[in-house]
Amino acid sequence: MEHIKGPWKIKFEFNVEDTNGRTIASCGGYSDNCRVQEVDAENKANARLIAAAPELLEALRPFAQFACGCGECHNCIAQAAIAKAEIKS
């Protein structure tokens, strides 16, 4: 099964939704009173990264076609990241 098509957007700072308003991910989590601001900042950053995932995946595709198999160059890293995102269950 393919992922839900982008673009994805952030709603209420911690939730990521598709264009139909369906929740893709919720990045809000437990935080104790001593770390509320730190955890909130981390959750917001996670939501931004998740929301950007469809565009990041598409941006990697041109590089992956030039993978040489070394596993270390940018093209091979792009290919590995795409494979990780598209793993079939």
Protein backbone atom coordinates (compact mmCIF):
# COMPACT_ATOMS: atom_id res chain seq x y z
CA MET A 1 0.00 0.00 0.00
CA GLU A 2 1.28 3.46 -0.85
CA HIS A 3 1.40 6.31 1.59
CA ILE A 4 -1.33 8.94 1.62
CA LYS A 5 -0.48 11.51 -1.03
CA GLY A 6 0.83 14.88 0.06
CA PRO A 7 0.91 17.65 0.67
CA TRP A 8 0.54 17.17 4.38
CA LYS A 9 0.02 20.08 6.74
CA ILE A 10 0.35 20.80 10.42
CA LYS A 11 -2.77 21.48 12.44
CA PHE A 12 -2.83 22.51 16.09
CA GLU A 13 1.01 22.55 16.20
CA PHE A 14 1.39 18.80 16.84
CA ASN A 15 -0.94 17.04 14.37
CA VAL A 16 -0.20 16.28 10.74
CA GLU A 17 -3.13 16.00 8.33
CA ASP A 18 -3.64 15.25 4.66
CA THR A 19 -5.55 17.54 2.30
CA ASN A 20 -8.83 15.85 3.32
CA GLY A 21 -8.27 16.65 7.01
CA ARG A 22 -7.42 13.06 7.97
CA THR A 23 -4.81 12.77 10.71
CA ILE A 24 -1.53 11.27 9.47
CA ALA A 25 0.31 11.60 12.78
CA SER A 26 -0.04 13.16 16.18
CA CYS A 27 3.24 14.26 17.72
CA GLY A 28 1.96 15.44 21.08
CA GLY A 29 3.23 13.30 23.87
CA TYR A 30 3.62 13.03 27.60
CA SER A 31 5.82 15.58 29.28
CA ASP A 32 6.47 16.19 32.93
CA ASN A 33 6.10 19.71 34.28
CA CYS A 34 9.86 20.27 34.29
CA ARG A 35 10.26 19.64 30.56
CA VAL A 36 7.01 20.97 29.03
CA GLN A 37 8.63 23.64 26.83
CA GLU A 38 11.44 21.34 25.71
CA VAL A 39 9.07 18.49 24.84
CA ASP A 40 6.62 20.85 23.11
CA ALA A 41 9.44 22.18 20.91
CA GLU A 42 10.53 18.64 20.09
CA ASN A 43 6.97 17.58 19.23
CA LYS A 44 6.52 20.62 16.97
CA ALA A 45 9.80 19.81 15.19
CA ASN A 46 8.69 16.19 14.71
CA ALA A 47 5.38 17.37 13.24
CA ARG A 48 7.21 19.66 10.78
CA LEU A 49 9.48 16.81 9.68
CA ILE A 50 6.56 14.42 9.19
CA ALA A 51 4.59 17.05 7.27
CA ALA A 52 7.54 17.52 4.90
CA ALA A 53 7.99 13.77 4.29
CA PRO A 54 6.14 13.50 0.95
CA GLU A 55 8.13 16.39 -0.54
CA LEU A 56 11.40 15.07 0.85
CA LEU A 57 10.72 11.65 -0.65
CA GLU A 58 10.08 13.13 -4.09
CA ALA A 59 13.14 15.37 -3.84
CA LEU A 60 15.37 12.31 -3.28
CA ARG A 61 14.18 10.35 -6.31
CA PRO A 62 16.40 12.07 -8.92
CA PHE A 63 19.51 11.42 -6.81
CA ALA A 64 18.71 7.76 -6.16
CA GLN A 65 18.83 6.91 -9.86
CA PHE A 66 22.58 7.58 -9.80
CA ALA A 67 23.35 5.30 -6.85
CA CYS A 68 26.62 3.44 -7.42
CA GLY A 69 26.20 0.79 -4.73
CA CYS A 70 28.90 2.04 -2.36
CA GLY A 71 26.33 2.77 0.34
CA GLU A 72 28.13 5.93 1.39
CA CYS A 73 27.68 8.58 -1.31
CA HIS A 74 24.70 10.93 -1.32
CA ASN A 75 23.05 9.04 -4.16
CA CYS A 76 23.28 5.71 -2.33
CA ILE A 77 22.01 7.30 0.88
CA ALA A 78 19.06 8.73 -1.08
CA GLN A 79 18.33 5.28 -2.51
CA ALA A 80 18.45 3.69 0.94
CA ALA A 81 16.15 6.33 2.42
CA ILE A 82 13.60 5.77 -0.36
CA ALA A 83 13.75 2.02 0.19
CA LYS A 84 13.18 2.53 3.93
CA ALA A 85 10.17 4.77 3.24
CA GLU A 86 8.68 2.34 0.74
CA ILE A 87 9.29 -0.94 2.58
CA LYS A 88 6.50 -3.37 1.81
CA SER A 89 4.89 -5.22 4.69
